[in-house]
Amino acid sequence: MKYDYTDVTEVALDRETRRLVVITRGQRVVIEGVDRLYVDSLPWSEADGTVHLNKGRVSVNGNVAAAET
């Protein structure tokens, strides 16, 4: 699996269910089977692990996701 999202405003990984949730252009996208999320910088996050970005980019390759601001 290979995905690439731009204009991302939120991203969150639920490690128990291995679900990555990406909010892009007002749409909620759920990607199954993701084990790791790497974030290059953390502008703002919530206690539940949701990361807020200013029109960032999220790339998913296999079971690893990378978020860039």
Protein backbone atom coordinates (compact mmCIF):
# COMPACT_ATOMS: atom_id res chain seq x y z
CA MET A 1 0.00 0.00 0.00
CA LYS A 2 1.24 3.46 -0.84
CA TYR A 3 -0.63 6.69 -0.13
CA ASP A 4 0.23 10.38 -0.29
CA TYR A 5 -1.99 13.14 1.13
CA THR A 6 -1.50 16.91 0.97
CA ASP A 7 -3.28 19.76 2.75
CA VAL A 8 -3.49 17.61 5.90
CA THR A 9 -4.71 19.40 9.03
CA GLU A 10 -4.87 16.45 11.47
CA VAL A 11 -3.34 13.00 11.77
CA ALA A 12 -3.69 10.38 14.50
CA LEU A 13 -2.56 6.78 14.94
CA ASP A 14 -4.43 4.29 17.12
CA ARG A 15 -1.70 1.76 17.86
CA GLU A 16 -4.06 -0.87 19.27
CA THR A 17 -6.23 -1.07 16.15
CA ARG A 18 -3.39 -0.08 13.78
CA ARG A 19 -5.58 2.65 12.25
CA LEU A 20 -4.26 5.92 10.93
CA VAL A 21 -6.78 8.75 10.63
CA VAL A 22 -5.94 11.61 8.27
CA ILE A 23 -8.03 14.77 7.92
CA THR A 24 -7.34 16.26 4.49
CA ARG A 25 -9.36 18.92 2.68
CA GLY A 26 -12.19 18.43 5.18
CA GLN A 27 -12.39 14.67 4.58
CA ARG A 28 -11.65 11.94 7.13
CA VAL A 29 -9.59 9.09 5.68
CA VAL A 30 -8.91 5.89 7.68
CA ILE A 31 -5.99 3.68 6.68
CA GLU A 32 -5.73 0.20 8.22
CA GLY A 33 -2.52 -1.64 9.09
CA VAL A 34 -0.23 1.25 10.08
CA ASP A 35 2.20 0.52 12.92
CA ARG A 36 4.28 3.68 13.11
CA LEU A 37 3.81 7.41 12.60
CA TYR A 38 6.81 9.71 12.23
CA VAL A 39 6.28 13.47 12.51
CA ASP A 40 9.07 15.86 11.42
CA SER A 41 7.85 18.65 13.71
CA LEU A 42 5.01 18.89 16.17
CA PRO A 43 3.23 22.24 15.87
CA TRP A 44 0.39 21.22 18.19
CA SER A 45 -0.95 17.95 19.58
CA GLU A 46 -3.71 16.78 21.88
CA ALA A 47 -3.53 14.40 24.84
CA ASP A 48 -5.04 11.58 22.73
CA GLY A 49 -2.13 11.79 20.28
CA THR A 50 -3.85 13.73 17.51
CA VAL A 51 -1.33 15.94 15.71
CA HIS A 52 -2.51 19.19 14.13
CA LEU A 53 -0.67 20.45 11.06
CA ASN A 54 -0.88 23.59 8.94
CA LYS A 55 -1.56 22.07 5.54
CA GLY A 56 0.97 19.31 6.02
CA ARG A 57 1.70 16.20 4.00
CA VAL A 58 1.31 12.57 5.05
CA SER A 59 2.89 9.71 3.15
CA VAL A 60 2.14 6.07 3.96
CA ASN A 61 4.31 3.25 2.69
CA GLY A 62 3.55 -0.23 3.99
CA ASN A 63 2.97 -0.03 7.73
CA VAL A 64 4.83 3.28 8.27
CA ALA A 65 3.46 6.82 7.94
CA ALA A 66 5.45 10.05 7.82
CA ALA A 67 3.95 13.51 8.44
CA GLU A 68 5.65 16.73 7.36
CA THR A 69 4.55 20.27 8.06
